[in-house]
PDB file of N, CA and C in Angstrom:
ATOM      1  N   MET A   1      25.346 -80.271  47.698  1.00  0.00           N
ATOM      2  CA  MET A   1      25.569 -79.672  46.339  1.00  0.00           C
ATOM      3  C   MET A   1      26.454 -79.891  45.367  1.00  0.00           C
ATOM      4  N   THR A   2      26.061 -79.633  44.100  1.00  0.00           N
ATOM      5  CA  THR A   2      26.627 -79.843  42.858  1.00  0.00           C
ATOM      6  C   THR A   2      27.941 -79.186  42.741  1.00  0.00           C
ATOM      7  N   LYS A   3      28.793 -79.518  41.846  1.00  0.00           N
ATOM      8  CA  LYS A   3      30.163 -78.978  41.786  1.00  0.00           C
ATOM      9  C   LYS A   3      30.004 -77.568  41.136  1.00  0.00           C
ATOM     10  N   LYS A   4      29.011 -77.341  39.931  1.00  0.00           N
ATOM     11  CA  LYS A   4      28.601 -76.577  39.866  1.00  0.00           C
ATOM     12  C   LYS A   4      28.306 -75.089  40.428  1.00  0.00           C
ATOM     13  N   SER A   5      27.345 -75.757  41.421  1.00  0.00           N
ATOM     14  CA  SER A   5      26.997 -74.695  42.912  1.00  0.00           C
ATOM     15  C   SER A   5      28.252 -74.134  43.561  1.00  0.00           C
ATOM     16  N   GLU A   6      29.020 -75.060  44.071  1.00  0.00           N
ATOM     17  CA  GLU A   6      30.195 -74.863  44.376  1.00  0.00           C
ATOM     18  C   GLU A   6      30.742 -74.164  43.543  1.00  0.00           C
ATOM     19  N   ASP A   7      31.507 -74.146  42.480  1.00  0.00           N
ATOM     20  CA  ASP A   7      31.912 -72.903  41.981  1.00  0.00           C
ATOM     21  C   ASP A   7      31.627 -71.685  41.770  1.00  0.00           C
ATOM     22  N   PHE A   8      30.049 -71.438  41.462  1.00  0.00           N
ATOM     23  CA  PHE A   8      29.447 -70.472  41.600  1.00  0.00           C
ATOM     24  C   PHE A   8      29.851 -69.789  42.943  1.00  0.00           C
ATOM     25  N   TYR A   9      30.000 -70.180  44.188  1.00  0.00           N
ATOM     26  CA  TYR A   9      29.843 -69.802  45.661  1.00  0.00           C
ATOM     27  C   TYR A   9      31.233 -69.388  45.665  1.00  0.00           C
ATOM     28  N   LYS A  10      32.075 -69.920  45.007  1.00  0.00           N
ATOM     29  CA  LYS A  10      33.529 -69.305  45.016  1.00  0.00           C
ATOM     30  C   LYS A  10      33.425 -67.937  44.160  1.00  0.00           C
ATOM     31  N   LEU A  11      33.162 -67.702  43.034  1.00  0.00           N
ATOM     32  CA  LEU A  11      33.409 -66.584  42.169  1.00  0.00           C
ATOM     33  C   LEU A  11      32.206 -65.517  42.643  1.00  0.00           C
ATOM     34  N   PHE A  12      31.091 -65.803  43.474  1.00  0.00           N
ATOM     35  CA  PHE A  12      30.234 -64.641  44.002  1.00  0.00           C
ATOM     36  C   PHE A  12      30.648 -64.111  45.110  1.00  0.00           C
ATOM     37  N   LYS A  13      31.293 -62.534  45.050  1.00  0.00           N
ATOM     38  CA  LYS A  13      31.491 -62.235  46.142  1.00  0.00           C
ATOM     39  C   LYS A  13      30.758 -60.635  46.131  1.00  0.00           C
ATOM     40  N   PRO A  14      29.215 -60.476  46.640  1.00  0.00           N
ATOM     41  CA  PRO A  14      28.725 -59.136  46.593  1.00  0.00           C
ATOM     42  C   PRO A  14      29.528 -58.128  47.387  1.00  0.00           C
ATOM     43  N   GLN A  15      29.385 -56.773  46.858  1.00  0.00           N
ATOM     44  CA  GLN A  15      29.828 -55.392  47.446  1.00  0.00           C
ATOM     45  C   GLN A  15      29.197 -55.242  49.004  1.00  0.00           C
ATOM     46  N   LEU A  16      27.892 -55.840  48.694  1.00  0.00           N
ATOM     47  CA  LEU A  16      27.087 -55.178  50.200  1.00  0.00           C
ATOM     48  C   LEU A  16      26.363 -56.189  50.677  1.00  0.00           C
ATOM     49  N   THR A  17      26.536 -55.999  51.934  1.00  0.00           N
ATOM     50  CA  THR A  17      25.385 -57.187  52.624  1.00  0.00           C
ATOM     51  C   THR A  17      24.225 -56.705  52.543  1.00  0.00           C
ATOM     52  N   PRO A  18      23.177 -57.721  52.593  1.00  0.00           N
ATOM     53  CA  PRO A  18      21.822 -57.557  52.991  1.00  0.00           C
ATOM     54  C   PRO A  18      21.526 -56.108  53.868  1.00  0.00           C
ATOM     55  N   GLN A  19      22.027 -56.349  54.930  1.00  0.00           N
ATOM     56  CA  GLN A  19      21.573 -55.032  55.877  1.00  0.00           C
ATOM     57  C   GLN A  19      22.190 -53.820  55.185  1.00  0.00           C
ATOM     58  N   LYS A  20      23.232 -53.825  54.546  1.00  0.00           N
ATOM     59  CA  LYS A  20      23.873 -52.898  54.193  1.00  0.00           C
ATOM     60  C   LYS A  20      22.933 -52.053  53.285  1.00  0.00           C
ATOM     61  N   MET A  21      22.320 -52.724  52.164  1.00  0.00           N
ATOM     62  CA  MET A  21      21.363 -52.549  50.938  1.00  0.00           C
ATOM     63  C   MET A  21      20.369 -52.043  51.871  1.00  0.00           C
ATOM     64  N   LEU A  22      19.853 -52.593  52.739  1.00  0.00           N
ATOM     65  CA  LEU A  22      18.608 -51.839  53.144  1.00  0.00           C
ATOM     66  C   LEU A  22      18.749 -50.945  54.086  1.00  0.00           C
ATOM     67  N   GLU A  23      19.762 -50.226  54.655  1.00  0.00           N
ATOM     68  CA  GLU A  23      19.893 -49.091  55.018  1.00  0.00           C
ATOM     69  C   GLU A  23      20.303 -47.846  54.140  1.00  0.00           C
ATOM     70  N   MET A  24      20.774 -48.319  52.666  1.00  0.00           N
ATOM     71  CA  MET A  24      21.024 -47.573  51.722  1.00  0.00           C
ATOM     72  C   MET A  24      19.780 -47.037  51.229  1.00  0.00           C
ATOM     73  N   GLY A  25      18.548 -48.128  51.707  1.00  0.00           N
ATOM     74  CA  GLY A  25      17.370 -48.047  50.716  1.00  0.00           C
ATOM     75  C   GLY A  25      16.793 -48.228  49.758  1.00  0.00           C
ATOM     76  N   VAL A  26      17.746 -49.755  49.418  1.00  0.00           N
ATOM     77  CA  VAL A  26      17.128 -50.322  48.193  1.00  0.00           C
ATOM     78  C   VAL A  26      15.871 -50.729  48.069  1.00  0.00           C
ATOM     79  N   PHE A  27      15.301 -50.500  47.161  1.00  0.00           N
ATOM     80  CA  PHE A  27      13.622 -50.792  46.721  1.00  0.00           C
ATOM     81  C   PHE A  27      13.383 -50.289  47.480  1.00  0.00           C
ATOM     82  N   GLY A  28      13.229 -48.969  47.460  1.00  0.00           N
ATOM     83  CA  GLY A  28      12.463 -47.915  48.076  1.00  0.00           C
ATOM     84  C   GLY A  28      11.982 -47.983  49.532  1.00  0.00           C
ATOM     85  N   GLY A  29      12.271 -49.092  49.869  1.00  0.00           N
ATOM     86  CA  GLY A  29      12.203 -49.766  51.400  1.00  0.00           C
ATOM     87  C   GLY A  29      10.759 -50.527  51.216  1.00  0.00           C
ATOM     88  N   SER A  30      10.596 -50.544  50.347  1.00  0.00           N
ATOM     89  CA  SER A  30       9.137 -51.447  49.961  1.00  0.00           C
ATOM     90  C   SER A  30       9.317 -53.122  49.704  1.00  0.00           C
ATOM     91  N   TYR A  31      10.624 -53.687  49.794  1.00  0.00           N
ATOM     92  CA  TYR A  31      10.884 -54.919  49.155  1.00  0.00           C
ATOM     93  C   TYR A  31      10.189 -55.923  50.057  1.00  0.00           C
ATOM     94  N   PHE A  32      10.445 -55.824  51.406  1.00  0.00           N
ATOM     95  CA  PHE A  32       9.626 -57.229  52.181  1.00  0.00           C
ATOM     96  C   PHE A  32       8.220 -57.462  52.435  1.00  0.00           C
ATOM     97  N   GLY A  33       7.548 -56.109  52.651  1.00  0.00           N
ATOM     98  CA  GLY A  33       5.932 -56.309  52.660  1.00  0.00           C
ATOM     99  C   GLY A  33       6.127 -56.891  54.243  1.00  0.00           C
ATOM    100  N   ASP A  34       5.434 -58.049  54.344  1.00  0.00           N
ATOM    101  CA  ASP A  34       5.267 -58.642  55.302  1.00  0.00           C
ATOM    102  C   ASP A  34       5.861 -59.816  55.906  1.00  0.00           C
ATOM    103  N   LYS A  35       7.011 -60.293  55.083  1.00  0.00           N
ATOM    104  CA  LYS A  35       7.784 -61.165  54.758  1.00  0.00           C
ATOM    105  C   LYS A  35       9.408 -60.847  55.673  1.00  0.00           C
ATOM    106  N   MET A  36       9.298 -60.046  56.838  1.00  0.00           N
ATOM    107  CA  MET A  36      10.412 -59.313  57.473  1.00  0.00           C
ATOM    108  C   MET A  36      10.891 -60.502  58.519  1.00  0.00           C
ATOM    109  N   LYS A  37      10.025 -61.352  58.708  1.00  0.00           N
ATOM    110  CA  LYS A  37      10.134 -62.110  59.947  1.00  0.00           C
ATOM    111  C   LYS A  37      11.275 -63.522  59.673  1.00  0.00           C
ATOM    112  N   GLU A  38      11.274 -63.604  58.304  1.00  0.00           N
ATOM    113  CA  GLU A  38      12.057 -64.293  57.849  1.00  0.00           C
ATOM    114  C   GLU A  38      13.606 -64.415  58.490  1.00  0.00           C
ATOM    115  N   TYR A  39      13.760 -63.025  57.968  1.00  0.00           N
ATOM    116  CA  TYR A  39      15.510 -62.584  58.106  1.00  0.00           C
ATOM    117  C   TYR A  39      15.782 -62.025  59.405  1.00  0.00           C
ATOM    118  N   PRO A  40      17.142 -61.982  59.776  1.00  0.00           N
ATOM    119  CA  PRO A  40      17.653 -61.352  61.076  1.00  0.00           C
ATOM    120  C   PRO A  40      16.985 -59.988  61.595  1.00  0.00           C
ATOM    121  N   LYS A  41      16.874 -59.913  62.475  1.00  0.00           N
ATOM    122  CA  LYS A  41      16.284 -58.550  63.347  1.00  0.00           C
ATOM    123  C   LYS A  41      17.542 -57.504  62.832  1.00  0.00           C
ATOM    124  N   SER A  42      18.733 -57.894  63.216  1.00  0.00           N
ATOM    125  CA  SER A  42      19.751 -57.094  62.862  1.00  0.00           C
ATOM    126  C   SER A  42      19.885 -55.915  61.664  1.00  0.00           C
ATOM    127  N   TRP A  43      19.190 -56.849  60.261  1.00  0.00           N
ATOM    128  CA  TRP A  43      19.070 -56.337  58.975  1.00  0.00           C
ATOM    129  C   TRP A  43      17.965 -54.849  59.004  1.00  0.00           C
ATOM    130  N   PHE A  44      17.222 -55.124  59.929  1.00  0.00           N
ATOM    131  CA  PHE A  44      16.037 -53.738  59.827  1.00  0.00           C
ATOM    132  C   PHE A  44      16.229 -53.013  60.716  1.00  0.00           C
ATOM    133  N   LYS A  45      17.393 -53.101  61.941  1.00  0.00           N
ATOM    134  CA  LYS A  45      17.882 -51.636  62.790  1.00  0.00           C
ATOM    135  C   LYS A  45      17.870 -50.727  62.210  1.00  0.00           C
ATOM    136  N   ASN A  46      18.494 -50.325  61.087  1.00  0.00           N
ATOM    137  CA  ASN A  46      18.699 -49.054  60.496  1.00  0.00           C
ATOM    138  C   ASN A  46      18.185 -48.865  59.340  1.00  0.00           C
ATOM    139  N   ALA A  47      17.379 -49.867  58.816  1.00  0.00           N
ATOM    140  CA  ALA A  47      17.036 -49.696  57.354  1.00  0.00           C
ATOM    141  C   ALA A  47      16.008 -48.837  57.004  1.00  0.00           C
ATOM    142  N   LYS A  48      15.770 -48.197  55.724  1.00  0.00           N
ATOM    143  CA  LYS A  48      14.841 -47.541  55.213  1.00  0.00           C
ATOM    144  C   LYS A  48      13.857 -48.185  54.510  1.00  0.00           C
ATOM    145  N   LEU A  49      12.707 -48.112  55.563  1.00  0.00           N
ATOM    146  CA  LEU A  49      11.490 -49.066  55.090  1.00  0.00           C
ATOM    147  C   LEU A  49      10.335 -48.374  54.514  1.00  0.00           C
ATOM    148  N   SER A  50       9.385 -48.656  53.766  1.00  0.00           N
ATOM    149  CA  SER A  50       7.930 -48.112  53.400  1.00  0.00           C
ATOM    150  C   SER A  50       6.978 -49.167  53.133  1.00  0.00           C
ATOM    151  N   LYS A  51       5.625 -49.146  53.430  1.00  0.00           N
ATOM    152  CA  LYS A  51       4.824 -49.950  52.792  1.00  0.00           C
ATOM    153  C   LYS A  51       4.653 -50.274  51.093  1.00  0.00           C
ATOM    154  N   ILE A  52       4.825 -48.913  50.570  1.00  0.00           N
ATOM    155  CA  ILE A  52       4.975 -48.527  49.343  1.00  0.00           C
ATOM    156  C   ILE A  52       6.462 -48.391  48.736  1.00  0.00           C
ATOM    157  N   PHE A  53       6.500 -48.150  47.213  1.00  0.00           N
ATOM    158  CA  PHE A  53       7.591 -47.784  47.086  1.00  0.00           C
ATOM    159  C   PHE A  53       8.081 -46.286  47.171  1.00  0.00           C
ATOM    160  N   ASP A  54       9.276 -45.879  48.051  1.00  0.00           N
ATOM    161  CA  ASP A  54       9.150 -44.322  48.460  1.00  0.00           C
ATOM    162  C   ASP A  54      10.481 -43.762  47.704  1.00  0.00           C
ATOM    163  N   VAL A  55      10.772 -43.014  46.584  1.00  0.00           N
ATOM    164  CA  VAL A  55      11.483 -42.725  46.082  1.00  0.00           C
ATOM    165  C   VAL A  55      12.675 -41.887  47.401  1.00  0.00           C
ATOM    166  N   GLU A  56      12.150 -41.099  48.010  1.00  0.00           N
ATOM    167  CA  GLU A  56      12.809 -40.756  49.161  1.00  0.00           C
ATOM    168  C   GLU A  56      13.686 -41.435  50.139  1.00  0.00           C
ATOM    169  N   LYS A  57      13.513 -42.626  50.063  1.00  0.00           N
ATOM    170  CA  LYS A  57      13.966 -43.656  50.787  1.00  0.00           C
ATOM    171  C   LYS A  57      15.299 -44.091  49.708  1.00  0.00           C
ATOM    172  N   ASN A  58      15.022 -44.275  48.628  1.00  0.00           N
ATOM    173  CA  ASN A  58      16.195 -44.819  47.603  1.00  0.00           C
ATOM    174  C   ASN A  58      17.301 -43.815  47.935  1.00  0.00           C
ATOM    175  N   ARG A  59      18.563 -44.637  47.944  1.00  0.00           N
ATOM    176  CA  ARG A  59      19.752 -43.361  48.127  1.00  0.00           C
ATOM    177  C   ARG A  59      19.712 -42.542  47.002  1.00  0.00           C
ATOM    178  N   PHE A  60      19.525 -42.907  46.044  1.00  0.00           N
ATOM    179  CA  PHE A  60      19.880 -42.132  44.298  1.00  0.00           C
ATOM    180  C   PHE A  60      18.477 -41.454  44.398  1.00  0.00           C
ATOM    181  N   ARG A  61      17.777 -41.259  45.000  1.00  0.00           N
ATOM    182  CA  ARG A  61      16.275 -40.572  44.869  1.00  0.00           C
ATOM    183  C   ARG A  61      15.823 -40.772  43.492  1.00  0.00           C
ATOM    184  N   VAL A  62      15.964 -41.721  42.684  1.00  0.00           N
ATOM    185  CA  VAL A  62      15.190 -42.514  41.876  1.00  0.00           C
ATOM    186  C   VAL A  62      14.095 -43.833  41.763  1.00  0.00           C
ATOM    187  N   LYS A  63      13.399 -43.467  40.982  1.00  0.00           N
ATOM    188  CA  LYS A  63      12.582 -44.840  41.081  1.00  0.00           C
ATOM    189  C   LYS A  63      12.926 -45.936  40.008  1.00  0.00           C
ATOM    190  N   ALA A  64      13.346 -46.957  40.620  1.00  0.00           N
ATOM    191  CA  ALA A  64      14.091 -48.109  39.418  1.00  0.00           C
ATOM    192  C   ALA A  64      13.508 -49.305  39.495  1.00  0.00           C
ATOM    193  N   GLY A  65      13.770 -49.887  38.398  1.00  0.00           N
ATOM    194  CA  GLY A  65      13.299 -51.101  38.792  1.00  0.00           C
ATOM    195  C   GLY A  65      11.760 -51.671  38.494  1.00  0.00           C
ATOM    196  N   LEU A  66      11.609 -52.832  38.327  1.00  0.00           N
ATOM    197  CA  LEU A  66       9.987 -53.295  37.820  1.00  0.00           C
ATOM    198  C   LEU A  66       9.309 -53.344  39.243  1.00  0.00           C
ATOM    199  N   SER A  67       7.839 -53.361  39.411  1.00  0.00           N
ATOM    200  CA  SER A  67       6.847 -53.715  40.498  1.00  0.00           C
ATOM    201  C   SER A  67       6.926 -55.166  40.645  1.00  0.00           C
ATOM    202  N   ARG A  68       6.801 -55.828  41.811  1.00  0.00           N
ATOM    203  CA  ARG A  68       6.359 -56.990  42.017  1.00  0.00           C
ATOM    204  C   ARG A  68       5.604 -57.980  41.152  1.00  0.00           C
ATOM    205  N   LYS A  69       4.341 -57.110  40.884  1.00  0.00           N
ATOM    206  CA  LYS A  69       3.530 -57.797  39.860  1.00  0.00           C
ATOM    207  C   LYS A  69       4.361 -57.932  38.560  1.00  0.00           C
ATOM    208  N   GLU A  70       4.994 -56.929  37.956  1.00  0.00           N
ATOM    209  CA  GLU A  70       5.755 -57.143  37.056  1.00  0.00           C
ATOM    210  C   GLU A  70       6.575 -58.460  36.610  1.00  0.00           C
ATOM    211  N   TRP A  71       7.231 -58.693  38.285  1.00  0.00           N
ATOM    212  CA  TRP A  71       8.283 -59.696  38.151  1.00  0.00           C
ATOM    213  C   TRP A  71       7.555 -61.173  38.333  1.00  0.00           C
ATOM    214  N   LEU A  72       6.040 -61.034  38.978  1.00  0.00           N
ATOM    215  CA  LEU A  72       5.553 -61.807  38.716  1.00  0.00           C
ATOM    216  C   LEU A  72       4.777 -62.510  37.138  1.00  0.00           C
ATOM    217  N   ASP A  73       4.347 -61.522  36.891  1.00  0.00           N
ATOM    218  CA  ASP A  73       3.966 -61.761  35.057  1.00  0.00           C
ATOM    219  C   ASP A  73       5.172 -61.861  34.214  1.00  0.00           C
ATOM    220  N   LYS A  74       6.137 -61.765  34.515  1.00  0.00           N
ATOM    221  CA  LYS A  74       7.580 -62.637  34.056  1.00  0.00           C
ATOM    222  C   LYS A  74       7.745 -64.019  34.006  1.00  0.00           C
ATOM    223  N   GLY A  75       7.368 -64.070  35.426  1.00  0.00           N
ATOM    224  CA  GLY A  75       7.727 -65.323  35.592  1.00  0.00           C
ATOM    225  C   GLY A  75       9.014 -65.616  36.650  1.00  0.00           C
ATOM    226  N   TRP A  76       9.592 -64.323  36.966  1.00  0.00           N
ATOM    227  CA  TRP A  76      10.750 -64.245  37.573  1.00  0.00           C
ATOM    228  C   TRP A  76      10.888 -64.757  39.241  1.00  0.00           C
ATOM    229  N   ILE A  77       9.529 -64.934  39.692  1.00  0.00           N
ATOM    230  CA  ILE A  77       9.630 -65.126  40.981  1.00  0.00           C
ATOM    231  C   ILE A  77       8.403 -66.561  41.385  1.00  0.00           C
ATOM    232  N   SER A  78       9.115 -67.305  41.956  1.00  0.00           N
ATOM    233  CA  SER A  78       8.496 -68.808  42.384  1.00  0.00           C
ATOM    234  C   SER A  78       8.244 -68.857  43.706  1.00  0.00           C
ATOM    235  N   LYS A  79       7.600 -69.948  43.863  1.00  0.00           N
ATOM    236  CA  LYS A  79       6.670 -70.081  45.130  1.00  0.00           C
ATOM    237  C   LYS A  79       7.800 -70.185  46.320  1.00  0.00           C
ATOM    238  N   GLU A  80       9.021 -71.000  45.934  1.00  0.00           N
ATOM    239  CA  GLU A  80       9.796 -71.708  46.850  1.00  0.00           C
ATOM    240  C   GLU A  80      10.892 -70.415  47.274  1.00  0.00           C
ATOM    241  N   ASP A  81      10.925 -69.417  46.190  1.00  0.00           N
ATOM    242  CA  ASP A  81      11.819 -68.370  46.562  1.00  0.00           C
ATOM    243  C   ASP A  81      10.617 -66.502  46.464  1.00  0.00           C
ATOM    244  N   SER A  82      10.239 -66.498  47.003  1.00  0.00           N
ATOM    245  CA  SER A  82       9.225 -65.522  47.163  1.00  0.00           C
ATOM    246  C   SER A  82      10.114 -64.187  47.039  1.00  0.00           C
ATOM    247  N   ARG A  83      11.228 -64.189  47.524  1.00  0.00           N
ATOM    248  CA  ARG A  83      12.071 -62.947  47.567  1.00  0.00           C
ATOM    249  C   ARG A  83      13.127 -62.921  46.626  1.00  0.00           C
ATOM    250  N   VAL A  84      13.196 -63.751  45.729  1.00  0.00           N
ATOM    251  CA  VAL A  84      13.966 -64.116  44.869  1.00  0.00           C
ATOM    252  C   VAL A  84      15.898 -64.079  45.251  1.00  0.00           C
ATOM    253  N   TRP A  85      16.432 -63.385  44.667  1.00  0.00           N
ATOM    254  CA  TRP A  85      17.585 -63.263  45.253  1.00  0.00           C
ATOM    255  C   TRP A  85      18.157 -62.716  46.411  1.00  0.00           C
ATOM    256  N   PHE A  86      17.485 -61.856  47.081  1.00  0.00           N
ATOM    257  CA  PHE A  86      17.717 -61.273  48.062  1.00  0.00           C
ATOM    258  C   PHE A  86      17.565 -62.201  49.110  1.00  0.00           C
TER     259      PHE A  86
END
């Protein structure tokens, strides 16, 4: 790990864990598709999940963000990290 990477991890203090975000309905429940096996099962115990974006699963009942296709079109998703920051 480089010095710059180490500094980032000292500063990065997320307010919510991935598990809590999923319980709150982040991404309208549709973020993972068929990629859930890569992550701990415990994250999904009380997660609000859907095959497509479901505004009723979103904590604030609003459709926010861009589609996965829009992220791909903008070049924000790489093969190495298909789930980006999550």
